[in-house]
Amino acid sequence: MSIINSFKTIPTTCISDAMTGLNNLNSSIKPLKEEYKVVGRAFTVKMPVGDNLVFLKAIKEAKPGDVLVVDAKGDTYRAIAGDFIVGLAQTLGIKGIVVDGVIRDVVGVKKLNFPVFCKGTAVAASGKSGQGELNVPISCGGTTVHPGDIIVGDADGVVVIPKEHEQTILTKATEKVKFDELRDQKVSGNRDEVINYLNEFLSKS
């Protein structure tokens, strides 16, 4: 199984715990639908506020399976794309879009059932002056993202897995999933075990 497929089964919460909470995007960046899950390597986009021509270039240049991660400077006035542009990305095999900014045509975008993680929606479109950079280190949601980092997003938010540590993080996150499952089986729904768990936990603090 590829490392990308391995991360598909792991919640962002466990991945975050494996990284001690250091590589999470700001909580304002959420999926348009709670059921969205995205896992893939980052194709980074650094765009000026309100100018999305470089985003169109990213759609063309990214490989199938990539996740477009867009540094839009947190702007919430001009959308980086609407349903037509998002549909282009979907058609070319891009796995999802994560943006520190907003989109528009939200009803149409939701109909695509394509994972979009953003700060919300807006009415105004972006211009197309042509500035920006592709596949360079960016800041998205207060977190550094390098090209090729693994991006995982779900209902709880988005985490960034540095590519140089991805195997170690996968191991730790998998262990956390197993630990949580065993704890849940032992404690949840059992009053005596709940009391024992709380007493044990509080005695250490």
Protein backbone atom coordinates (compact mmCIF):
# COMPACT_ATOMS: atom_id res chain seq x y z
CA MET A 1 0.00 0.00 0.00
CA SER A 2 1.31 3.45 -0.88
CA ILE A 3 1.89 5.95 1.90
CA ILE A 4 -0.86 8.16 0.44
CA ASN A 5 -3.36 5.30 0.68
CA SER A 6 -2.20 4.53 4.21
CA PHE A 7 -3.01 8.07 5.35
CA LYS A 8 -6.51 7.82 3.84
CA THR A 9 -7.63 5.65 6.75
CA ILE A 10 -6.26 7.91 9.51
CA PRO A 11 -8.20 10.86 10.99
CA THR A 12 -6.53 14.26 10.98
CA THR A 13 -6.81 14.31 14.77
CA CYS A 14 -4.49 11.31 15.12
CA ILE A 15 -2.08 12.72 12.56
CA SER A 16 -2.06 16.02 14.43
CA ASP A 17 -1.33 14.20 17.69
CA ALA A 18 1.58 12.43 16.00
CA MET A 19 3.02 15.87 15.20
CA THR A 20 2.16 17.32 18.64
CA GLY A 21 -0.32 19.70 17.03
CA LEU A 22 2.28 21.76 15.16
CA ASN A 23 1.26 21.37 11.51
CA ASN A 24 -2.45 22.16 11.49
CA LEU A 25 -3.94 24.80 9.26
CA ASN A 26 -5.95 27.50 11.00
CA SER A 27 -9.33 26.19 12.09
CA SER A 28 -11.10 28.76 9.90
CA ILE A 29 -10.21 26.58 6.88
CA LYS A 30 -12.94 23.95 6.74
CA PRO A 31 -14.45 21.56 4.17
CA LEU A 32 -17.53 22.77 2.32
CA LYS A 33 -19.12 19.44 3.28
CA GLU A 34 -18.32 17.52 6.45
CA GLU A 35 -18.00 14.25 4.55
CA TYR A 36 -15.12 15.51 2.41
CA LYS A 37 -11.79 13.73 2.87
CA VAL A 38 -8.71 14.62 0.86
CA VAL A 39 -5.25 13.04 0.85
CA GLY A 40 -2.50 13.85 -1.62
CA ARG A 41 0.75 15.65 -2.23
CA ALA A 42 0.78 19.42 -2.18
CA PHE A 43 1.09 21.42 -5.37
CA THR A 44 1.57 24.87 -3.91
CA VAL A 45 0.21 28.12 -5.29
CA LYS A 46 1.34 31.57 -4.12
CA MET A 47 -1.08 34.15 -5.47
CA PRO A 48 -1.59 37.85 -4.93
CA VAL A 49 -4.80 38.99 -3.32
CA GLY A 50 -7.57 39.03 -5.90
CA ASP A 51 -5.54 37.70 -8.88
CA ASN A 52 -6.15 34.07 -9.78
CA LEU A 53 -4.37 33.62 -13.13
CA VAL A 54 -1.61 31.67 -11.41
CA PHE A 55 -4.28 29.36 -9.98
CA LEU A 56 -5.39 28.51 -13.52
CA LYS A 57 -1.76 27.73 -14.38
CA ALA A 58 -1.62 25.43 -11.35
CA ILE A 59 -4.64 23.47 -12.57
CA LYS A 60 -2.87 22.88 -15.86
CA GLU A 61 0.54 21.97 -14.41
CA ALA A 62 -0.43 19.87 -11.38
CA LYS A 63 -0.36 16.09 -11.70
CA PRO A 64 -3.42 13.87 -11.20
CA GLY A 65 -3.60 13.03 -7.51
CA ASP A 66 -2.11 16.35 -6.36
CA VAL A 67 -3.85 18.67 -3.91
CA LEU A 68 -3.74 22.36 -4.81
CA VAL A 69 -2.74 24.32 -1.70
CA VAL A 70 -3.25 28.03 -2.20
CA ASP A 71 -1.77 30.93 -0.28
CA ALA A 72 -4.37 33.62 -0.99
CA LYS A 73 -3.25 35.72 1.97
CA GLY A 74 -6.43 34.96 3.88
CA ASP A 75 -8.44 37.32 1.67
CA THR A 76 -12.19 36.87 2.04
CA TYR A 77 -13.39 39.53 -0.42
CA ARG A 78 -12.43 38.04 -3.79
CA ALA A 79 -12.94 34.34 -4.51
CA ILE A 80 -10.07 32.40 -6.05
CA ALA A 81 -12.50 30.32 -8.15
CA GLY A 82 -16.09 29.35 -8.79
CA ASP A 83 -17.79 26.15 -9.81
CA PHE A 84 -16.56 26.25 -13.42
CA ILE A 85 -12.87 26.56 -12.46
CA VAL A 86 -13.18 24.01 -9.66
CA GLY A 87 -14.78 21.66 -12.18
CA LEU A 88 -11.73 22.04 -14.45
CA ALA A 89 -9.47 20.90 -11.62
CA GLN A 90 -11.72 17.92 -10.92
CA THR A 91 -11.75 16.88 -14.59
CA LEU A 92 -7.93 16.89 -14.73
CA GLY A 93 -7.65 14.53 -11.78
CA ILE A 94 -6.69 16.92 -9.01
CA LYS A 95 -7.76 15.45 -5.68
CA GLY A 96 -8.81 18.61 -3.88
CA ILE A 97 -8.26 22.29 -3.19
CA VAL A 98 -7.14 23.83 0.08
CA VAL A 99 -7.09 27.62 0.19
CA ASP A 100 -6.41 30.30 2.77
CA GLY A 101 -9.18 32.31 1.16
CA VAL A 102 -12.65 31.87 -0.28
CA ILE A 103 -14.51 30.44 -3.27
CA ARG A 104 -17.82 31.39 -4.90
CA ASP A 105 -20.72 29.64 -6.65
CA VAL A 106 -20.89 27.52 -3.53
CA VAL A 107 -24.06 25.63 -4.50
CA GLY A 108 -22.49 24.60 -7.80
CA VAL A 109 -19.20 23.67 -6.16
CA LYS A 110 -21.00 21.44 -3.66
CA LYS A 111 -22.80 19.68 -6.51
CA LEU A 112 -19.40 18.62 -7.87
CA ASN A 113 -18.74 16.55 -4.71
CA PHE A 114 -15.12 17.61 -4.99
CA PRO A 115 -13.16 18.30 -1.79
CA VAL A 116 -12.72 22.05 -1.26
CA PHE A 117 -11.37 23.36 2.03
CA CYS A 118 -11.57 27.14 2.46
CA LYS A 119 -12.51 30.01 4.76
CA GLY A 120 -15.95 30.42 3.23
CA THR A 121 -17.60 32.00 0.23
CA ALA A 122 -17.74 35.42 -1.43
CA VAL A 123 -19.43 37.12 -4.37
CA ALA A 124 -16.57 38.99 -6.08
CA ALA A 125 -14.34 37.30 -8.67
CA SER A 126 -10.57 37.64 -8.89
CA GLY A 127 -8.77 39.51 -11.64
CA LYS A 128 -6.16 37.96 -13.93
CA SER A 129 -3.06 40.15 -14.02
CA GLY A 130 -0.70 37.20 -14.07
CA GLN A 131 1.38 37.48 -10.91
CA GLY A 132 2.20 34.64 -8.54
CA GLU A 133 4.41 31.55 -8.14
CA LEU A 134 3.96 27.79 -8.34
CA ASN A 135 5.57 24.96 -6.41
CA VAL A 136 7.42 27.15 -3.92
CA PRO A 137 7.22 27.06 -0.11
CA ILE A 138 4.11 28.92 1.05
CA SER A 139 2.22 29.79 4.18
CA CYS A 140 -1.35 28.54 4.22
CA GLY A 141 -3.53 28.95 7.28
CA GLY A 142 -0.49 29.91 9.35
CA THR A 143 1.42 26.73 8.46
CA THR A 144 4.38 26.28 6.13
CA VAL A 145 3.69 24.01 3.17
CA HIS A 146 6.41 22.72 0.84
CA PRO A 147 5.76 21.19 -2.57
CA GLY A 148 5.33 17.44 -2.14
CA ASP A 149 4.25 17.54 1.51
CA ILE A 150 1.32 15.25 2.20
CA ILE A 151 -1.98 17.05 2.80
CA VAL A 152 -4.77 15.37 4.75
CA GLY A 153 -8.12 17.06 5.28
CA ASP A 154 -11.39 15.92 6.81
CA ALA A 155 -14.27 17.29 8.86
CA ASP A 156 -11.94 18.44 11.63
CA GLY A 157 -9.60 20.44 9.41
CA VAL A 158 -6.35 20.12 7.47
CA VAL A 159 -2.90 18.89 8.49
CA VAL A 160 0.41 19.14 6.64
CA ILE A 161 2.84 16.22 6.81
CA PRO A 162 6.41 17.24 5.90
CA LYS A 163 7.65 14.85 3.23
CA GLU A 164 10.97 14.25 5.02
CA HIS A 165 9.13 12.91 8.10
CA GLU A 166 6.12 11.22 6.48
CA GLN A 167 7.05 7.63 7.33
CA THR A 168 7.74 8.42 10.98
CA ILE A 169 4.50 10.37 11.26
CA LEU A 170 2.56 7.54 9.62
CA THR A 171 3.92 5.09 12.20
CA LYS A 172 3.06 7.36 15.13
CA ALA A 173 -0.40 8.20 13.78
CA THR A 174 -1.19 4.52 13.19
CA GLU A 175 -0.17 3.74 16.76
CA LYS A 176 -2.43 6.54 18.01
CA VAL A 177 -5.39 5.11 16.10
CA LYS A 178 -4.81 1.69 17.68
CA PHE A 179 -4.39 3.20 21.14
CA ASP A 180 -7.64 5.15 20.82
CA GLU A 181 -9.52 2.09 19.60
CA LEU A 182 -8.33 -0.07 22.50
CA ARG A 183 -9.08 2.67 25.03
CA ASP A 184 -12.56 3.12 23.62
CA GLN A 185 -13.26 -0.63 23.75
CA LYS A 186 -12.11 -0.81 27.36
CA VAL A 187 -13.54 2.37 28.83
CA SER A 188 -16.50 3.76 26.90
CA GLY A 189 -19.90 2.77 28.27
CA ASN A 190 -18.39 1.10 31.36
CA ARG A 191 -18.94 3.23 34.47
CA ASP A 192 -16.27 1.55 36.58
CA GLU A 193 -13.67 1.82 33.82
CA VAL A 194 -14.56 5.48 33.28
CA ILE A 195 -13.93 6.19 36.98
CA ASN A 196 -10.67 4.22 36.90
CA TYR A 197 -9.53 6.04 33.79
CA LEU A 198 -10.29 9.47 35.24
CA ASN A 199 -8.62 8.65 38.55
CA GLU A 200 -5.51 7.33 36.83
CA PHE A 201 -5.33 10.29 34.44
CA LEU A 202 -5.90 12.92 37.13
CA SER A 203 -3.34 11.34 39.47
CA LYS A 204 -0.64 12.07 36.91
CA SER A 205 -1.47 15.74 36.57
